[in-house]
Amino acid sequence: MTEISLRAILKYEYHSKIYFRGSAAYLHRTTTEAERDYYYQDGSIYSTTMNVPDVLSFDAALGCWLWDHDVQLEALVGTQIGQSGDDIRRQNMPQPTNKMDMKNVSGYIRYFPSFTQGFSVFGSVSQVFDGRNVGQSQTITGGITYQFPIFKSTAQ
């Protein structure tokens, strides 16, 4: 499957402490290969190639920096809207041709330790609370990141 996306992002930061970020994206998707040579998508199709619906995606985040930019907190709401596709039918398994819409909320925290440069530790929780052909699910993530310096700062 090939996916081409176009995303617009707008961010406003107030006094380097509180920020708002919004984004809108269009994801153009092509086809994928199925493990079978027959499937149903608004009618019988005898092929291993399935069309994957395009998607519109929107999100808005409100965040803040605490303790001299050592901690980042963020709350996010998002939505994904399938542009075509069919519904999951009782006698079929979900498949890439299904129209998938969802709404979710997330919380995010990230800590930049002052005793080391480039590293951060993060955690987030996300909950899908509404959707079409999507289950209501919760995701908990965490990790460690390192930002590799590519350009040396010339500021003194």
N, C-alpha and C. Protein backbone atom coordinates (compact mmCIF):
# COMPACT_ATOMS: atom_id res chain seq x y z
N MET A 1 0.85 -1.18 0.00
CA MET A 1 0.00 0.00 0.00
C MET A 1 0.89 1.23 0.00
N THR A 2 0.50 2.20 -0.76
CA THR A 2 1.18 3.49 -0.79
C THR A 2 0.28 4.52 -0.14
N GLU A 3 0.88 5.39 0.65
CA GLU A 3 0.11 6.45 1.31
C GLU A 3 0.85 7.76 1.10
N ILE A 4 0.13 8.75 0.61
CA ILE A 4 0.66 10.09 0.43
C ILE A 4 -0.18 11.01 1.31
N SER A 5 0.49 11.84 2.11
CA SER A 5 -0.28 12.69 3.01
C SER A 5 0.14 14.14 2.88
N LEU A 6 -0.80 15.01 3.14
CA LEU A 6 -0.58 16.45 3.17
C LEU A 6 -1.12 16.93 4.51
N ARG A 7 -0.29 17.61 5.29
CA ARG A 7 -0.68 18.04 6.63
C ARG A 7 -0.37 19.52 6.81
N ALA A 8 -1.31 20.24 7.40
CA ALA A 8 -1.11 21.64 7.78
C ALA A 8 -1.12 21.71 9.30
N ILE A 9 -0.13 22.41 9.86
CA ILE A 9 -0.02 22.53 11.32
C ILE A 9 0.08 24.00 11.69
N LEU A 10 -0.71 24.40 12.67
CA LEU A 10 -0.69 25.76 13.18
C LEU A 10 -0.41 25.69 14.67
N LYS A 11 0.57 26.49 15.13
CA LYS A 11 0.90 26.50 16.55
C LYS A 11 1.04 27.94 17.01
N TYR A 12 0.45 28.21 18.17
CA TYR A 12 0.58 29.51 18.80
C TYR A 12 1.06 29.29 20.23
N GLU A 13 2.14 29.97 20.61
CA GLU A 13 2.68 29.84 21.95
C GLU A 13 2.63 31.20 22.65
N TYR A 14 2.13 31.20 23.87
CA TYR A 14 1.96 32.42 24.65
C TYR A 14 3.03 32.48 25.74
N HIS A 15 3.90 33.47 25.66
CA HIS A 15 4.96 33.69 26.65
C HIS A 15 5.82 32.44 26.91
N SER A 16 6.03 31.63 25.89
CA SER A 16 6.85 30.41 25.99
C SER A 16 6.39 29.46 27.10
N LYS A 17 5.12 29.52 27.46
CA LYS A 17 4.61 28.66 28.53
C LYS A 17 3.41 27.82 28.08
N ILE A 18 2.39 28.49 27.55
CA ILE A 18 1.15 27.82 27.14
C ILE A 18 1.08 27.85 25.62
N TYR A 19 0.64 26.75 25.02
CA TYR A 19 0.54 26.74 23.56
C TYR A 19 -0.72 26.01 23.11
N PHE A 20 -1.13 26.34 21.90
CA PHE A 20 -2.22 25.67 21.20
C PHE A 20 -1.66 25.20 19.86
N ARG A 21 -1.98 23.97 19.50
CA ARG A 21 -1.56 23.44 18.20
C ARG A 21 -2.74 22.74 17.56
N GLY A 22 -2.97 23.04 16.31
CA GLY A 22 -4.01 22.37 15.56
C GLY A 22 -3.44 21.85 14.25
N SER A 23 -4.00 20.76 13.78
CA SER A 23 -3.53 20.24 12.50
C SER A 23 -4.69 19.62 11.73
N ALA A 24 -4.53 19.63 10.43
CA ALA A 24 -5.48 19.00 9.52
C ALA A 24 -4.66 18.25 8.48
N ALA A 25 -5.12 17.06 8.12
CA ALA A 25 -4.36 16.26 7.16
C ALA A 25 -5.31 15.51 6.24
N TYR A 26 -4.82 15.28 5.04
CA TYR A 26 -5.49 14.40 4.09
C TYR A 26 -4.53 13.28 3.75
N LEU A 27 -4.95 12.04 3.93
CA LEU A 27 -4.12 10.89 3.64
C LEU A 27 -4.71 10.16 2.44
N HIS A 28 -3.98 10.17 1.34
CA HIS A 28 -4.41 9.46 0.13
C HIS A 28 -3.82 8.06 0.19
N ARG A 29 -4.67 7.06 0.12
CA ARG A 29 -4.23 5.67 0.19
C ARG A 29 -4.56 4.97 -1.11
N THR A 30 -3.77 3.99 -1.47
CA THR A 30 -3.99 3.29 -2.75
C THR A 30 -4.61 1.92 -2.49
N THR A 31 -3.91 0.86 -2.80
CA THR A 31 -4.45 -0.49 -2.67
C THR A 31 -3.52 -1.35 -1.82
N THR A 32 -4.06 -2.47 -1.40
CA THR A 32 -3.26 -3.46 -0.68
C THR A 32 -3.62 -4.85 -1.20
N GLU A 33 -2.75 -5.79 -0.97
CA GLU A 33 -2.99 -7.16 -1.41
C GLU A 33 -3.62 -7.96 -0.28
N ALA A 34 -4.69 -8.68 -0.61
CA ALA A 34 -5.37 -9.52 0.36
C ALA A 34 -4.82 -10.94 0.30
N GLU A 35 -5.07 -11.70 1.34
CA GLU A 35 -4.61 -13.08 1.39
C GLU A 35 -5.57 -14.03 0.69
N ARG A 36 -6.61 -13.49 0.12
CA ARG A 36 -7.61 -14.30 -0.57
C ARG A 36 -7.97 -13.64 -1.90
N ASP A 37 -8.58 -14.39 -2.80
CA ASP A 37 -8.90 -13.84 -4.13
C ASP A 37 -10.37 -13.49 -4.29
N TYR A 38 -11.10 -13.44 -3.19
CA TYR A 38 -12.51 -13.02 -3.21
C TYR A 38 -12.79 -12.24 -1.94
N TYR A 39 -13.51 -11.13 -2.09
CA TYR A 39 -14.00 -10.41 -0.93
C TYR A 39 -15.25 -9.65 -1.32
N TYR A 40 -15.97 -9.17 -0.32
CA TYR A 40 -17.22 -8.44 -0.54
C TYR A 40 -17.01 -6.99 -0.13
N GLN A 41 -17.26 -6.09 -1.08
CA GLN A 41 -17.23 -4.65 -0.82
C GLN A 41 -18.35 -4.02 -1.65
N ASP A 42 -19.51 -3.91 -1.05
CA ASP A 42 -20.69 -3.43 -1.77
C ASP A 42 -20.96 -4.27 -3.01
N GLY A 43 -20.63 -5.53 -2.96
CA GLY A 43 -20.80 -6.47 -4.06
C GLY A 43 -19.61 -7.42 -4.08
N SER A 44 -19.77 -8.55 -4.79
CA SER A 44 -18.70 -9.55 -4.86
C SER A 44 -17.56 -9.07 -5.74
N ILE A 45 -16.34 -9.23 -5.25
CA ILE A 45 -15.14 -8.83 -6.01
C ILE A 45 -14.19 -10.02 -6.02
N TYR A 46 -13.82 -10.44 -7.23
CA TYR A 46 -12.89 -11.56 -7.40
C TYR A 46 -11.52 -10.99 -7.74
N SER A 47 -10.76 -10.66 -6.71
CA SER A 47 -9.43 -10.07 -6.88
C SER A 47 -8.70 -10.14 -5.55
N THR A 48 -7.38 -10.10 -5.58
CA THR A 48 -6.60 -10.03 -4.34
C THR A 48 -6.28 -8.58 -3.99
N THR A 49 -6.62 -7.64 -4.87
CA THR A 49 -6.32 -6.23 -4.65
C THR A 49 -7.52 -5.54 -4.02
N MET A 50 -7.30 -4.89 -2.86
CA MET A 50 -8.36 -4.15 -2.17
C MET A 50 -8.04 -2.66 -2.18
N ASN A 51 -9.05 -1.84 -2.46
CA ASN A 51 -8.90 -0.39 -2.37
C ASN A 51 -8.98 0.03 -0.91
N VAL A 52 -8.06 0.87 -0.48
CA VAL A 52 -8.03 1.36 0.89
C VAL A 52 -8.53 2.82 0.89
N PRO A 53 -9.56 3.13 1.68
CA PRO A 53 -10.15 4.48 1.66
C PRO A 53 -9.19 5.57 2.13
N ASP A 54 -9.32 6.76 1.51
CA ASP A 54 -8.59 7.94 1.96
C ASP A 54 -9.17 8.41 3.30
N VAL A 55 -8.40 9.23 4.02
CA VAL A 55 -8.80 9.66 5.36
C VAL A 55 -8.53 11.15 5.54
N LEU A 56 -9.44 11.85 6.20
CA LEU A 56 -9.22 13.20 6.72
C LEU A 56 -8.94 13.07 8.21
N SER A 57 -7.99 13.84 8.70
CA SER A 57 -7.62 13.78 10.11
C SER A 57 -7.49 15.20 10.65
N PHE A 58 -8.06 15.44 11.83
CA PHE A 58 -7.98 16.75 12.49
C PHE A 58 -7.62 16.53 13.95
N ASP A 59 -6.80 17.40 14.51
CA ASP A 59 -6.58 17.35 15.96
C ASP A 59 -6.25 18.73 16.49
N ALA A 60 -6.49 18.89 17.78
CA ALA A 60 -6.21 20.15 18.49
C ALA A 60 -5.60 19.79 19.83
N ALA A 61 -4.52 20.49 20.18
CA ALA A 61 -3.82 20.23 21.44
C ALA A 61 -3.66 21.53 22.22
N LEU A 62 -3.78 21.41 23.52
CA LEU A 62 -3.50 22.51 24.43
C LEU A 62 -2.43 22.00 25.39
N GLY A 63 -1.33 22.73 25.45
CA GLY A 63 -0.21 22.26 26.26
C GLY A 63 0.46 23.38 27.02
N CYS A 64 1.37 22.99 27.90
CA CYS A 64 2.12 23.97 28.66
C CYS A 64 3.50 23.41 29.02
N TRP A 65 4.41 24.33 29.28
CA TRP A 65 5.76 24.01 29.74
C TRP A 65 5.86 24.42 31.20
N LEU A 66 6.45 23.55 32.01
CA LEU A 66 6.60 23.82 33.44
C LEU A 66 8.07 23.75 33.84
N TRP A 67 8.42 24.39 34.92
CA TRP A 67 9.74 24.33 35.53
C TRP A 67 10.85 24.59 34.51
N ASP A 68 10.79 25.77 33.92
CA ASP A 68 11.83 26.22 32.99
C ASP A 68 12.00 25.26 31.81
N HIS A 69 10.89 24.81 31.24
CA HIS A 69 10.85 23.91 30.08
C HIS A 69 11.40 22.52 30.38
N ASP A 70 11.40 22.09 31.63
CA ASP A 70 11.82 20.73 31.97
C ASP A 70 10.69 19.72 31.78
N VAL A 71 9.43 20.17 31.89
CA VAL A 71 8.27 19.29 31.78
C VAL A 71 7.28 19.87 30.77
N GLN A 72 6.79 19.00 29.90
CA GLN A 72 5.77 19.37 28.92
C GLN A 72 4.51 18.56 29.22
N LEU A 73 3.38 19.25 29.34
CA LEU A 73 2.07 18.61 29.52
C LEU A 73 1.20 18.96 28.33
N GLU A 74 0.39 18.00 27.88
CA GLU A 74 -0.44 18.27 26.71
C GLU A 74 -1.73 17.46 26.78
N ALA A 75 -2.84 18.08 26.39
CA ALA A 75 -4.13 17.41 26.21
C ALA A 75 -4.52 17.57 24.75
N LEU A 76 -5.01 16.49 24.15
CA LEU A 76 -5.29 16.49 22.72
C LEU A 76 -6.64 15.85 22.44
N VAL A 77 -7.38 16.42 21.50
CA VAL A 77 -8.58 15.78 20.95
C VAL A 77 -8.35 15.60 19.46
N GLY A 78 -8.81 14.49 18.93
CA GLY A 78 -8.58 14.22 17.52
C GLY A 78 -9.74 13.47 16.89
N THR A 79 -9.80 13.54 15.59
CA THR A 79 -10.81 12.81 14.85
C THR A 79 -10.22 12.33 13.52
N GLN A 80 -10.70 11.21 13.07
CA GLN A 80 -10.33 10.65 11.78
C GLN A 80 -11.62 10.32 11.04
N ILE A 81 -11.70 10.73 9.77
CA ILE A 81 -12.92 10.54 8.99
C ILE A 81 -12.57 9.83 7.69
N GLY A 82 -13.03 8.60 7.54
CA GLY A 82 -12.83 7.86 6.29
C GLY A 82 -13.64 8.48 5.18
N GLN A 83 -13.06 8.60 3.99
CA GLN A 83 -13.73 9.27 2.88
C GLN A 83 -14.57 8.34 2.03
N SER A 84 -14.43 7.06 2.21
CA SER A 84 -15.24 6.08 1.48
C SER A 84 -15.13 4.76 2.24
N GLY A 85 -15.58 3.70 1.64
CA GLY A 85 -15.47 2.39 2.25
C GLY A 85 -16.82 1.83 2.65
N ASP A 86 -16.77 0.59 3.10
CA ASP A 86 -17.98 -0.11 3.50
C ASP A 86 -17.94 -0.42 4.99
N ASP A 87 -19.05 -0.92 5.51
CA ASP A 87 -19.11 -1.26 6.92
C ASP A 87 -18.74 -2.73 7.12
N ILE A 88 -18.28 -3.04 8.32
CA ILE A 88 -18.02 -4.42 8.68
C ILE A 88 -19.37 -5.13 8.72
N ARG A 89 -19.44 -6.27 8.05
CA ARG A 89 -20.69 -7.03 8.04
C ARG A 89 -20.59 -8.18 9.04
N ARG A 90 -21.73 -8.62 9.51
CA ARG A 90 -21.79 -9.66 10.53
C ARG A 90 -21.03 -10.92 10.12
N GLN A 91 -21.11 -11.31 8.86
CA GLN A 91 -20.49 -12.55 8.43
C GLN A 91 -19.07 -12.36 7.87
N ASN A 92 -18.52 -11.16 7.92
CA ASN A 92 -17.17 -10.89 7.43
C ASN A 92 -16.27 -10.36 8.53
N MET A 93 -14.99 -10.63 8.40
CA MET A 93 -14.00 -10.03 9.28
C MET A 93 -13.74 -8.59 8.81
N PRO A 94 -13.23 -7.73 9.70
CA PRO A 94 -12.82 -6.40 9.24
C PRO A 94 -11.77 -6.51 8.15
N GLN A 95 -11.77 -5.56 7.23
CA GLN A 95 -10.81 -5.58 6.12
C GLN A 95 -10.42 -4.15 5.75
N PRO A 96 -9.34 -3.96 5.00
CA PRO A 96 -8.84 -2.61 4.67
C PRO A 96 -9.84 -1.73 3.92
N THR A 97 -10.87 -2.32 3.31
CA THR A 97 -11.85 -1.51 2.56
C THR A 97 -12.86 -0.83 3.46
N ASN A 98 -12.87 -1.13 4.76
CA ASN A 98 -13.87 -0.58 5.67
C ASN A 98 -13.67 0.91 5.92
N LYS A 99 -14.80 1.62 5.98
CA LYS A 99 -14.79 3.04 6.35
C LYS A 99 -14.59 3.10 7.85
N MET A 100 -13.54 3.82 8.27
CA MET A 100 -13.24 3.90 9.70
C MET A 100 -13.22 5.36 10.14
N ASP A 101 -14.12 5.69 11.06
CA ASP A 101 -14.18 7.02 11.65
C ASP A 101 -13.95 6.86 13.15
N MET A 102 -13.26 7.84 13.75
CA MET A 102 -13.08 7.76 15.20
C MET A 102 -12.82 9.13 15.80
N LYS A 103 -13.12 9.21 17.09
CA LYS A 103 -12.82 10.40 17.89
C LYS A 103 -12.05 9.92 19.12
N ASN A 104 -11.00 10.66 19.49
CA ASN A 104 -10.21 10.25 20.65
C ASN A 104 -9.73 11.45 21.45
N VAL A 105 -9.38 11.19 22.70
CA VAL A 105 -8.76 12.17 23.58
C VAL A 105 -7.47 11.56 24.11
N SER A 106 -6.48 12.42 24.36
CA SER A 106 -5.17 11.95 24.82
C SER A 106 -4.60 12.91 25.85
N GLY A 107 -3.76 12.38 26.69
CA GLY A 107 -2.96 13.16 27.62
C GLY A 107 -1.51 12.76 27.46
N TYR A 108 -0.60 13.72 27.59
CA TYR A 108 0.82 13.48 27.30
C TYR A 108 1.67 14.23 28.31
N ILE A 109 2.71 13.59 28.81
CA ILE A 109 3.68 14.25 29.68
C ILE A 109 5.08 13.85 29.21
N ARG A 110 5.98 14.83 29.24
CA ARG A 110 7.36 14.59 28.80
C ARG A 110 8.30 15.35 29.73
N TYR A 111 9.35 14.65 30.18
CA TYR A 111 10.31 15.23 31.11
C TYR A 111 11.69 15.26 30.45
N PHE A 112 12.31 16.43 30.46
CA PHE A 112 13.66 16.63 29.93
C PHE A 112 14.60 16.79 31.12
N PRO A 113 15.33 15.74 31.50
CA PRO A 113 16.22 15.86 32.66
C PRO A 113 17.28 16.93 32.44
N SER A 114 17.49 17.77 33.44
CA SER A 114 18.46 18.86 33.31
C SER A 114 19.90 18.37 33.43
N PHE A 115 20.10 17.17 33.94
CA PHE A 115 21.45 16.65 34.12
C PHE A 115 22.04 16.01 32.86
N THR A 116 21.25 15.93 31.78
CA THR A 116 21.75 15.36 30.53
C THR A 116 21.14 16.12 29.35
N GLN A 117 21.86 16.19 28.26
CA GLN A 117 21.39 16.91 27.06
C GLN A 117 20.83 15.92 26.04
N GLY A 118 19.69 16.28 25.43
CA GLY A 118 19.15 15.49 24.34
C GLY A 118 18.17 14.41 24.72
N PHE A 119 18.19 13.94 25.96
CA PHE A 119 17.30 12.86 26.38
C PHE A 119 15.99 13.39 26.94
N SER A 120 14.93 12.61 26.79
CA SER A 120 13.67 12.89 27.46
C SER A 120 12.95 11.58 27.73
N VAL A 121 12.05 11.62 28.70
CA VAL A 121 11.21 10.49 29.06
C VAL A 121 9.77 10.95 28.90
N PHE A 122 8.93 10.10 28.27
CA PHE A 122 7.55 10.52 28.04
C PHE A 122 6.57 9.41 28.36
N GLY A 123 5.33 9.81 28.55
CA GLY A 123 4.22 8.88 28.73
C GLY A 123 2.95 9.50 28.20
N SER A 124 2.05 8.66 27.73
CA SER A 124 0.77 9.18 27.24
C SER A 124 -0.33 8.14 27.42
N VAL A 125 -1.55 8.63 27.48
CA VAL A 125 -2.75 7.79 27.54
C VAL A 125 -3.71 8.34 26.50
N SER A 126 -4.29 7.44 25.70
CA SER A 126 -5.24 7.84 24.67
C SER A 126 -6.46 6.94 24.74
N GLN A 127 -7.64 7.54 24.55
CA GLN A 127 -8.90 6.79 24.61
C GLN A 127 -9.75 7.11 23.39
N VAL A 128 -10.10 6.08 22.61
CA VAL A 128 -11.07 6.23 21.53
C VAL A 128 -12.44 6.15 22.19
N PHE A 129 -13.26 7.19 22.03
CA PHE A 129 -14.54 7.20 22.72
C PHE A 129 -15.74 7.12 21.78
N ASP A 130 -15.51 7.23 20.49
CA ASP A 130 -16.60 7.13 19.53
C ASP A 130 -16.03 6.70 18.19
N GLY A 131 -16.79 5.95 17.43
CA GLY A 131 -16.27 5.56 16.14
C GLY A 131 -17.21 4.71 15.33
N ARG A 132 -16.84 4.53 14.09
CA ARG A 132 -17.56 3.67 13.15
C ARG A 132 -16.55 2.63 12.66
N ASN A 133 -16.86 1.37 12.85
CA ASN A 133 -15.97 0.26 12.50
C ASN A 133 -14.65 0.33 13.27
N VAL A 134 -14.68 0.96 14.45
CA VAL A 134 -13.50 1.08 15.31
C VAL A 134 -13.95 0.77 16.74
N GLY A 135 -13.17 -0.01 17.44
CA GLY A 135 -13.50 -0.32 18.81
C GLY A 135 -13.12 0.81 19.75
N GLN A 136 -13.83 0.90 20.87
CA GLN A 136 -13.46 1.87 21.90
C GLN A 136 -12.27 1.27 22.65
N SER A 137 -11.12 1.88 22.49
CA SER A 137 -9.90 1.30 23.04
C SER A 137 -9.09 2.35 23.79
N GLN A 138 -8.24 1.87 24.65
CA GLN A 138 -7.34 2.74 25.40
C GLN A 138 -5.90 2.31 25.10
N THR A 139 -5.04 3.29 24.88
CA THR A 139 -3.63 3.03 24.61
C THR A 139 -2.79 3.75 25.64
N ILE A 140 -1.84 3.04 26.22
CA ILE A 140 -0.90 3.63 27.17
C ILE A 140 0.49 3.43 26.59
N THR A 141 1.24 4.51 26.44
CA THR A 141 2.58 4.42 25.87
C THR A 141 3.58 5.14 26.76
N GLY A 142 4.82 4.78 26.59
CA GLY A 142 5.89 5.43 27.30
C GLY A 142 7.21 5.14 26.60
N GLY A 143 8.18 5.97 26.87
CA GLY A 143 9.46 5.72 26.22
C GLY A 143 10.52 6.73 26.59
N ILE A 144 11.67 6.51 26.00
CA ILE A 144 12.82 7.39 26.16
C ILE A 144 13.21 7.86 24.76
N THR A 145 13.46 9.14 24.62
CA THR A 145 13.89 9.67 23.33
C THR A 145 15.25 10.35 23.47
N TYR A 146 15.94 10.42 22.35
CA TYR A 146 17.19 11.16 22.29
C TYR A 146 17.20 11.98 21.02
N GLN A 147 17.46 13.26 21.13
CA GLN A 147 17.53 14.15 19.98
C GLN A 147 18.99 14.30 19.57
N PHE A 148 19.29 13.79 18.37
CA PHE A 148 20.65 13.87 17.86
C PHE A 148 20.94 15.28 17.35
N PRO A 149 22.01 15.91 17.82
CA PRO A 149 22.34 17.25 17.30
C PRO A 149 22.93 17.12 15.90
N ILE A 150 22.31 17.78 14.93
CA ILE A 150 22.81 17.77 13.56
C ILE A 150 23.60 19.03 13.29
N PHE A 151 23.07 20.14 13.74
CA PHE A 151 23.74 21.43 13.55
C PHE A 151 24.19 21.94 14.91
N LYS A 152 25.41 22.40 14.98
CA LYS A 152 25.93 22.97 16.22
C LYS A 152 25.38 24.40 16.37
N SER A 153 25.00 24.75 17.59
CA SER A 153 24.51 26.09 17.87
C SER A 153 25.69 27.06 17.90
N THR A 154 25.50 28.20 17.24
CA THR A 154 26.57 29.23 17.24
C THR A 154 26.27 30.32 18.25
N ALA A 155 25.13 30.22 18.95
CA ALA A 155 24.77 31.24 19.95
C ALA A 155 25.70 31.11 21.16
N GLN A 156 26.08 32.27 21.71
CA GLN A 156 26.97 32.26 22.88
C GLN A 156 26.34 32.93 24.05
